[in-house]
Amino acid sequence: MPVWIDRKKLIKAISSTFIFVIFLTEVAFSKDQALTRVQQYLLDMNTLEANFSQINDTGDLMTGKFYLKKPGKIRFSYDHPHNVQIVSKQEALLIFDPKSSGSGPLTFPLSSTPLGFLIKNKFSAMTNENSVSVELDNKIFIKIHNSQYRLSIEFKKNPISLVGWEFENKMGEIISISLNNVKTNDFLSNEIFKTEKDYERLKK
């Protein structure tokens, strides 16, 4: 496994993150019972902390910690040897890549991504007539399809909790995220989402 991820792989990781986080804010579900349960779970969620494992379409495995605090605070903190940090800050998403030491973080305006809706606490419809829920044993899958991507989000049914998601873009490239040790509505300090230390690491 390589000791760093290139910019193309990083963009793929960010794409899956964008789609997932806006889903966490979704309130425009149908009256389907499974969707209603998922909706209530997500509406009741104010913070989330979890370990994650990410498998890219190349088969590379990356792990780390994911933090969410509504409204508008997220951090994906990748483990060694990647050490990438993806952090929201005001109207931008900052990607701190140690491979690019000295060049500053890669920056995306939140207004050009679904994360802009999260920061401003605005909710836009994500599900449509092409979106379905599937119940299988103790699992609920929310499957969303459009011309740009395919997204499958997995929840444990009893008790309901987020398990992970799989994102496929229109090029057929797939990223899978699995969560474990998920904690919701625990206290998360705002210090987690500050970026001063991330900037300092880039200077080294």
C-alpha atoms as a PDB file:
ATOM      1  CA  MET A   1       0.000   0.000   0.000  1.00  0.00           C
ATOM      2  CA  PRO A   2       1.450   3.406  -0.877  1.00  0.00           C
ATOM      3  CA  VAL A   3       2.492   5.700   1.961  1.00  0.00           C
ATOM      4  CA  TRP A   4       0.554   8.639   0.548  1.00  0.00           C
ATOM      5  CA  ILE A   5      -2.535   9.263  -1.527  1.00  0.00           C
ATOM      6  CA  ASP A   6      -2.351  11.314  -4.701  1.00  0.00           C
ATOM      7  CA  ARG A   7      -4.691  14.207  -5.461  1.00  0.00           C
ATOM      8  CA  LYS A   8      -6.957  12.099  -7.694  1.00  0.00           C
ATOM      9  CA  LYS A   9      -7.624   9.599  -4.919  1.00  0.00           C
ATOM     10  CA  LEU A  10      -8.174  12.425  -2.467  1.00  0.00           C
ATOM     11  CA  ILE A  11     -10.809  14.013  -4.710  1.00  0.00           C
ATOM     12  CA  LYS A  12     -12.615  10.669  -4.860  1.00  0.00           C
ATOM     13  CA  ALA A  13     -12.606  10.479  -1.074  1.00  0.00           C
ATOM     14  CA  ILE A  14     -13.975  14.009  -0.849  1.00  0.00           C
ATOM     15  CA  SER A  15     -16.742  13.210  -3.320  1.00  0.00           C
ATOM     16  CA  SER A  16     -18.058  10.418  -1.136  1.00  0.00           C
ATOM     17  CA  THR A  17     -17.834  12.675   1.896  1.00  0.00           C
ATOM     18  CA  PHE A  18     -19.893  15.398   0.189  1.00  0.00           C
ATOM     19  CA  ILE A  19     -22.720  13.069  -0.686  1.00  0.00           C
ATOM     20  CA  PHE A  20     -22.815  11.432   2.732  1.00  0.00           C
ATOM     21  CA  VAL A  21     -22.823  14.540   4.918  1.00  0.00           C
ATOM     22  CA  ILE A  22     -25.644  16.262   3.099  1.00  0.00           C
ATOM     23  CA  PHE A  23     -27.631  13.029   3.533  1.00  0.00           C
ATOM     24  CA  LEU A  24     -27.191  13.395   7.274  1.00  0.00           C
ATOM     25  CA  THR A  25     -29.202  16.637   7.085  1.00  0.00           C
ATOM     26  CA  GLU A  26     -31.968  15.352   4.814  1.00  0.00           C
ATOM     27  CA  VAL A  27     -35.579  15.901   5.918  1.00  0.00           C
ATOM     28  CA  ALA A  28     -37.504  15.436   2.671  1.00  0.00           C
ATOM     29  CA  PHE A  29     -38.207  11.725   2.914  1.00  0.00           C
ATOM     30  CA  SER A  30     -41.366   9.981   1.804  1.00  0.00           C
ATOM     31  CA  LYS A  31     -43.778   8.335   4.223  1.00  0.00           C
ATOM     32  CA  ASP A  32     -42.093   4.967   3.750  1.00  0.00           C
ATOM     33  CA  GLN A  33     -41.713   3.409   7.217  1.00  0.00           C
ATOM     34  CA  ALA A  34     -37.995   2.607   6.844  1.00  0.00           C
ATOM     35  CA  LEU A  35     -37.247   6.085   5.527  1.00  0.00           C
ATOM     36  CA  THR A  36     -39.256   7.612   8.361  1.00  0.00           C
ATOM     37  CA  ARG A  37     -37.171   5.731  10.938  1.00  0.00           C
ATOM     38  CA  VAL A  38     -33.950   6.827   9.251  1.00  0.00           C
ATOM     39  CA  GLN A  39     -35.216  10.399   9.058  1.00  0.00           C
ATOM     40  CA  GLN A  40     -35.962  10.553  12.770  1.00  0.00           C
ATOM     41  CA  TYR A  41     -32.593   9.016  13.642  1.00  0.00           C
ATOM     42  CA  LEU A  42     -30.770  11.628  11.571  1.00  0.00           C
ATOM     43  CA  LEU A  43     -32.896  14.509  12.831  1.00  0.00           C
ATOM     44  CA  ASP A  44     -32.145  13.504  16.414  1.00  0.00           C
ATOM     45  CA  MET A  45     -28.410  13.359  15.660  1.00  0.00           C
ATOM     46  CA  ASN A  46     -26.514  16.466  16.770  1.00  0.00           C
ATOM     47  CA  THR A  47     -23.029  14.960  16.898  1.00  0.00           C
ATOM     48  CA  LEU A  48     -21.424  11.834  15.532  1.00  0.00           C
ATOM     49  CA  GLU A  49     -18.011  10.314  16.193  1.00  0.00           C
ATOM     50  CA  ALA A  50     -16.766   7.076  14.624  1.00  0.00           C
ATOM     51  CA  ASN A  51     -13.787   5.155  13.349  1.00  0.00           C
ATOM     52  CA  PHE A  52     -13.919   4.615   9.601  1.00  0.00           C
ATOM     53  CA  SER A  53     -12.374   2.298   7.031  1.00  0.00           C
ATOM     54  CA  GLN A  54     -12.303   3.443   3.419  1.00  0.00           C
ATOM     55  CA  ILE A  55     -11.643   1.235   0.411  1.00  0.00           C
ATOM     56  CA  ASN A  56     -10.994   3.023  -2.890  1.00  0.00           C
ATOM     57  CA  ASP A  57     -11.688   1.586  -6.331  1.00  0.00           C
ATOM     58  CA  THR A  58      -7.972   0.721  -6.540  1.00  0.00           C
ATOM     59  CA  GLY A  59      -8.325  -1.501  -3.471  1.00  0.00           C
ATOM     60  CA  ASP A  60      -6.327   0.817  -1.211  1.00  0.00           C
ATOM     61  CA  LEU A  61      -7.423   0.750   2.428  1.00  0.00           C
ATOM     62  CA  MET A  62      -7.386   3.905   4.535  1.00  0.00           C
ATOM     63  CA  THR A  63      -8.600   4.320   8.097  1.00  0.00           C
ATOM     64  CA  GLY A  64      -9.236   7.201  10.445  1.00  0.00           C
ATOM     65  CA  LYS A  65     -11.708   9.098  12.618  1.00  0.00           C
ATOM     66  CA  PHE A  66     -14.825  10.951  11.493  1.00  0.00           C
ATOM     67  CA  TYR A  67     -16.411  13.784  13.488  1.00  0.00           C
ATOM     68  CA  LEU A  68     -19.650  15.652  12.793  1.00  0.00           C
ATOM     69  CA  LYS A  69     -21.178  18.440  14.820  1.00  0.00           C
ATOM     70  CA  LYS A  70     -24.285  20.211  13.564  1.00  0.00           C
ATOM     71  CA  PRO A  71     -24.521  22.701  12.152  1.00  0.00           C
ATOM     72  CA  GLY A  72     -21.592  22.812   9.791  1.00  0.00           C
ATOM     73  CA  LYS A  73     -18.617  21.188  11.511  1.00  0.00           C
ATOM     74  CA  ILE A  74     -16.940  18.093  10.082  1.00  0.00           C
ATOM     75  CA  ARG A  75     -13.522  16.481  10.176  1.00  0.00           C
ATOM     76  CA  PHE A  76     -12.157  13.385   8.487  1.00  0.00           C
ATOM     77  CA  SER A  77      -8.828  12.571  10.148  1.00  0.00           C
ATOM     78  CA  TYR A  78      -6.895   9.881   8.240  1.00  0.00           C
ATOM     79  CA  ASP A  79      -4.447   7.633  10.089  1.00  0.00           C
ATOM     80  CA  HIS A  80      -0.735   7.204   9.399  1.00  0.00           C
ATOM     81  CA  PRO A  81       0.771   6.883   6.832  1.00  0.00           C
ATOM     82  CA  HIS A  82      -1.708   9.107   4.963  1.00  0.00           C
ATOM     83  CA  ASN A  83      -2.350  11.682   7.701  1.00  0.00           C
ATOM     84  CA  VAL A  84      -4.742  13.686   5.512  1.00  0.00           C
ATOM     85  CA  GLN A  85      -7.186  16.005   7.297  1.00  0.00           C
ATOM     86  CA  ILE A  86     -10.469  17.164   5.723  1.00  0.00           C
ATOM     87  CA  VAL A  87     -12.023  19.990   7.737  1.00  0.00           C
ATOM     88  CA  SER A  88     -14.892  22.432   7.202  1.00  0.00           C
ATOM     89  CA  LYS A  89     -14.172  26.069   8.011  1.00  0.00           C
ATOM     90  CA  GLN A  90     -16.611  28.918   7.490  1.00  0.00           C
ATOM     91  CA  GLU A  91     -17.489  28.863   3.770  1.00  0.00           C
ATOM     92  CA  ALA A  92     -14.828  26.361   2.685  1.00  0.00           C
ATOM     93  CA  LEU A  93     -13.726  22.764   2.939  1.00  0.00           C
ATOM     94  CA  LEU A  94      -9.990  22.465   3.597  1.00  0.00           C
ATOM     95  CA  ILE A  95      -7.925  19.417   2.650  1.00  0.00           C
ATOM     96  CA  PHE A  96      -4.592  19.248   4.461  1.00  0.00           C
ATOM     97  CA  ASP A  97      -2.326  16.837   2.604  1.00  0.00           C
ATOM     98  CA  PRO A  98       1.155  16.310   4.117  1.00  0.00           C
ATOM     99  CA  LYS A  99       2.388  15.386   0.638  1.00  0.00           C
ATOM    100  CA  SER A 100       1.909  19.037  -0.317  1.00  0.00           C
ATOM    101  CA  SER A 101       3.987  20.461   2.515  1.00  0.00           C
ATOM    102  CA  GLY A 102       4.408  24.220   2.272  1.00  0.00           C
ATOM    103  CA  SER A 103       1.744  24.772  -0.382  1.00  0.00           C
ATOM    104  CA  GLY A 104      -1.210  25.240   1.957  1.00  0.00           C
ATOM    105  CA  PRO A 105      -4.450  23.233   2.020  1.00  0.00           C
ATOM    106  CA  LEU A 106      -6.473  22.354  -1.035  1.00  0.00           C
ATOM    107  CA  THR A 107      -9.668  24.416  -0.749  1.00  0.00           C
ATOM    108  CA  PHE A 108     -13.174  23.929  -2.088  1.00  0.00           C
ATOM    109  CA  PRO A 109     -15.882  26.599  -1.714  1.00  0.00           C
ATOM    110  CA  LEU A 110     -18.782  25.100   0.177  1.00  0.00           C
ATOM    111  CA  SER A 111     -21.199  27.002  -2.042  1.00  0.00           C
ATOM    112  CA  SER A 112     -20.176  24.740  -4.939  1.00  0.00           C
ATOM    113  CA  THR A 113     -20.775  21.508  -2.997  1.00  0.00           C
ATOM    114  CA  PRO A 114     -23.683  19.885  -1.145  1.00  0.00           C
ATOM    115  CA  LEU A 115     -21.837  20.733   2.085  1.00  0.00           C
ATOM    116  CA  GLY A 116     -22.887  24.349   1.595  1.00  0.00           C
ATOM    117  CA  PHE A 117     -26.409  23.322   2.568  1.00  0.00           C
ATOM    118  CA  LEU A 118     -25.124  21.771   5.783  1.00  0.00           C
ATOM    119  CA  ILE A 119     -23.145  24.835   6.850  1.00  0.00           C
ATOM    120  CA  LYS A 120     -26.140  27.113   6.315  1.00  0.00           C
ATOM    121  CA  ASN A 121     -28.574  24.637   7.878  1.00  0.00           C
ATOM    122  CA  LYS A 122     -30.603  24.507   4.679  1.00  0.00           C
ATOM    123  CA  PHE A 123     -32.084  21.217   3.580  1.00  0.00           C
ATOM    124  CA  SER A 124     -32.555  20.215  -0.052  1.00  0.00           C
ATOM    125  CA  ALA A 125     -34.328  17.136  -1.333  1.00  0.00           C
ATOM    126  CA  MET A 126     -32.025  14.260  -2.129  1.00  0.00           C
ATOM    127  CA  THR A 127     -34.435  11.403  -2.460  1.00  0.00           C
ATOM    128  CA  ASN A 128     -36.692  11.141  -5.488  1.00  0.00           C
ATOM    129  CA  GLU A 129     -38.731   8.618  -7.433  1.00  0.00           C
ATOM    130  CA  ASN A 130     -35.513   6.725  -8.239  1.00  0.00           C
ATOM    131  CA  SER A 131     -34.620   6.315  -4.549  1.00  0.00           C
ATOM    132  CA  VAL A 132     -35.687   3.241  -2.619  1.00  0.00           C
ATOM    133  CA  SER A 133     -35.337   1.706   0.817  1.00  0.00           C
ATOM    134  CA  VAL A 134     -34.591  -1.989   1.241  1.00  0.00           C
ATOM    135  CA  GLU A 135     -34.931  -3.948   4.494  1.00  0.00           C
ATOM    136  CA  LEU A 136     -32.884  -7.111   4.878  1.00  0.00           C
ATOM    137  CA  ASP A 137     -32.728  -8.922   8.211  1.00  0.00           C
ATOM    138  CA  ASN A 138     -31.496  -6.318  10.708  1.00  0.00           C
ATOM    139  CA  LYS A 139     -30.400  -3.823   8.048  1.00  0.00           C
ATOM    140  CA  ILE A 140     -31.930  -0.910   6.167  1.00  0.00           C
ATOM    141  CA  PHE A 141     -30.383   0.220   2.878  1.00  0.00           C
ATOM    142  CA  ILE A 142     -31.213   3.591   1.349  1.00  0.00           C
ATOM    143  CA  LYS A 143     -30.354   3.437  -2.356  1.00  0.00           C
ATOM    144  CA  ILE A 144     -30.159   6.638  -4.380  1.00  0.00           C
ATOM    145  CA  HIS A 145     -29.572   6.739  -8.135  1.00  0.00           C
ATOM    146  CA  ASN A 146     -29.223   9.590 -10.592  1.00  0.00           C
ATOM    147  CA  SER A 147     -27.204  10.382 -13.721  1.00  0.00           C
ATOM    148  CA  GLN A 148     -24.157  11.452 -11.718  1.00  0.00           C
ATOM    149  CA  TYR A 149     -23.767   8.818  -9.010  1.00  0.00           C
ATOM    150  CA  ARG A 150     -25.100   5.760  -7.228  1.00  0.00           C
ATOM    151  CA  LEU A 151     -25.230   5.821  -3.443  1.00  0.00           C
ATOM    152  CA  SER A 152     -26.146   3.040  -1.029  1.00  0.00           C
ATOM    153  CA  ILE A 153     -26.284   3.913   2.683  1.00  0.00           C
ATOM    154  CA  GLU A 154     -26.523   1.145   5.258  1.00  0.00           C
ATOM    155  CA  PHE A 155     -28.150   1.351   8.678  1.00  0.00           C
ATOM    156  CA  LYS A 156     -28.507  -1.214  11.425  1.00  0.00           C
ATOM    157  CA  LYS A 157     -32.219  -1.563  12.199  1.00  0.00           C
ATOM    158  CA  ASN A 158     -32.422  -2.455  15.906  1.00  0.00           C
ATOM    159  CA  PRO A 159     -31.251  -0.268  17.445  1.00  0.00           C
ATOM    160  CA  ILE A 160     -31.058   1.984  14.422  1.00  0.00           C
ATOM    161  CA  SER A 161     -27.556   3.252  13.710  1.00  0.00           C
ATOM    162  CA  LEU A 162     -25.434   4.232  10.743  1.00  0.00           C
ATOM    163  CA  VAL A 163     -23.156   1.472   9.423  1.00  0.00           C
ATOM    164  CA  GLY A 164     -21.572   2.992   6.316  1.00  0.00           C
ATOM    165  CA  TRP A 165     -22.063   3.829   2.647  1.00  0.00           C
ATOM    166  CA  GLU A 166     -20.898   2.986  -0.864  1.00  0.00           C
ATOM    167  CA  PHE A 167     -20.512   5.656  -3.533  1.00  0.00           C
ATOM    168  CA  GLU A 168     -20.109   5.014  -7.274  1.00  0.00           C
ATOM    169  CA  ASN A 169     -19.536   7.869  -9.728  1.00  0.00           C
ATOM    170  CA  LYS A 170     -20.570   7.903 -13.378  1.00  0.00           C
ATOM    171  CA  MET A 171     -17.140   6.534 -14.344  1.00  0.00           C
ATOM    172  CA  GLY A 172     -17.866   3.384 -12.348  1.00  0.00           C
ATOM    173  CA  GLU A 173     -15.313   4.186  -9.632  1.00  0.00           C
ATOM    174  CA  ILE A 174     -16.441   2.958  -6.221  1.00  0.00           C
ATOM    175  CA  ILE A 175     -15.548   4.112  -2.706  1.00  0.00           C
ATOM    176  CA  SER A 176     -16.802   2.153   0.306  1.00  0.00           C
ATOM    177  CA  ILE A 177     -16.888   3.566   3.844  1.00  0.00           C
ATOM    178  CA  SER A 178     -17.529   1.412   6.907  1.00  0.00           C
ATOM    179  CA  LEU A 179     -18.066   2.926  10.350  1.00  0.00           C
ATOM    180  CA  ASN A 180     -17.493   1.300  13.718  1.00  0.00           C
ATOM    181  CA  ASN A 181     -17.583   2.431  17.338  1.00  0.00           C
ATOM    182  CA  VAL A 182     -20.232   4.951  16.323  1.00  0.00           C
ATOM    183  CA  LYS A 183     -21.206   7.419  19.054  1.00  0.00           C
ATOM    184  CA  THR A 184     -24.014   9.933  18.624  1.00  0.00           C
ATOM    185  CA  ASN A 185     -24.913  12.995  20.665  1.00  0.00           C
ATOM    186  CA  ASP A 186     -21.850  12.803  22.892  1.00  0.00           C
ATOM    187  CA  PHE A 187     -20.107  16.064  23.668  1.00  0.00           C
ATOM    188  CA  LEU A 188     -17.642  17.118  20.950  1.00  0.00           C
ATOM    189  CA  SER A 189     -15.391  20.083  21.641  1.00  0.00           C
ATOM    190  CA  ASN A 190     -15.145  22.781  18.985  1.00  0.00           C
ATOM    191  CA  GLU A 191     -11.370  22.415  19.379  1.00  0.00           C
ATOM    192  CA  ILE A 192     -11.601  19.278  17.215  1.00  0.00           C
ATOM    193  CA  PHE A 193     -12.590  21.390  14.224  1.00  0.00           C
ATOM    194  CA  LYS A 194      -9.971  24.125  14.553  1.00  0.00           C
ATOM    195  CA  THR A 195      -7.292  24.149  11.866  1.00  0.00           C
ATOM    196  CA  GLU A 196      -4.303  25.925  13.451  1.00  0.00           C
ATOM    197  CA  LYS A 197      -2.439  22.662  14.085  1.00  0.00           C
ATOM    198  CA  ASP A 198      -3.188  21.482  10.549  1.00  0.00           C
ATOM    199  CA  TYR A 199      -1.487  24.582   9.129  1.00  0.00           C
ATOM    200  CA  GLU A 200       1.490  24.049  11.428  1.00  0.00           C
ATOM    201  CA  ARG A 201       1.927  20.472  10.221  1.00  0.00           C
ATOM    202  CA  LEU A 202       2.097  21.655   6.606  1.00  0.00           C
ATOM    203  CA  LYS A 203       5.009  23.942   7.435  1.00  0.00           C
ATOM    204  CA  LYS A 204       7.198  21.074   8.619  1.00  0.00           C
END
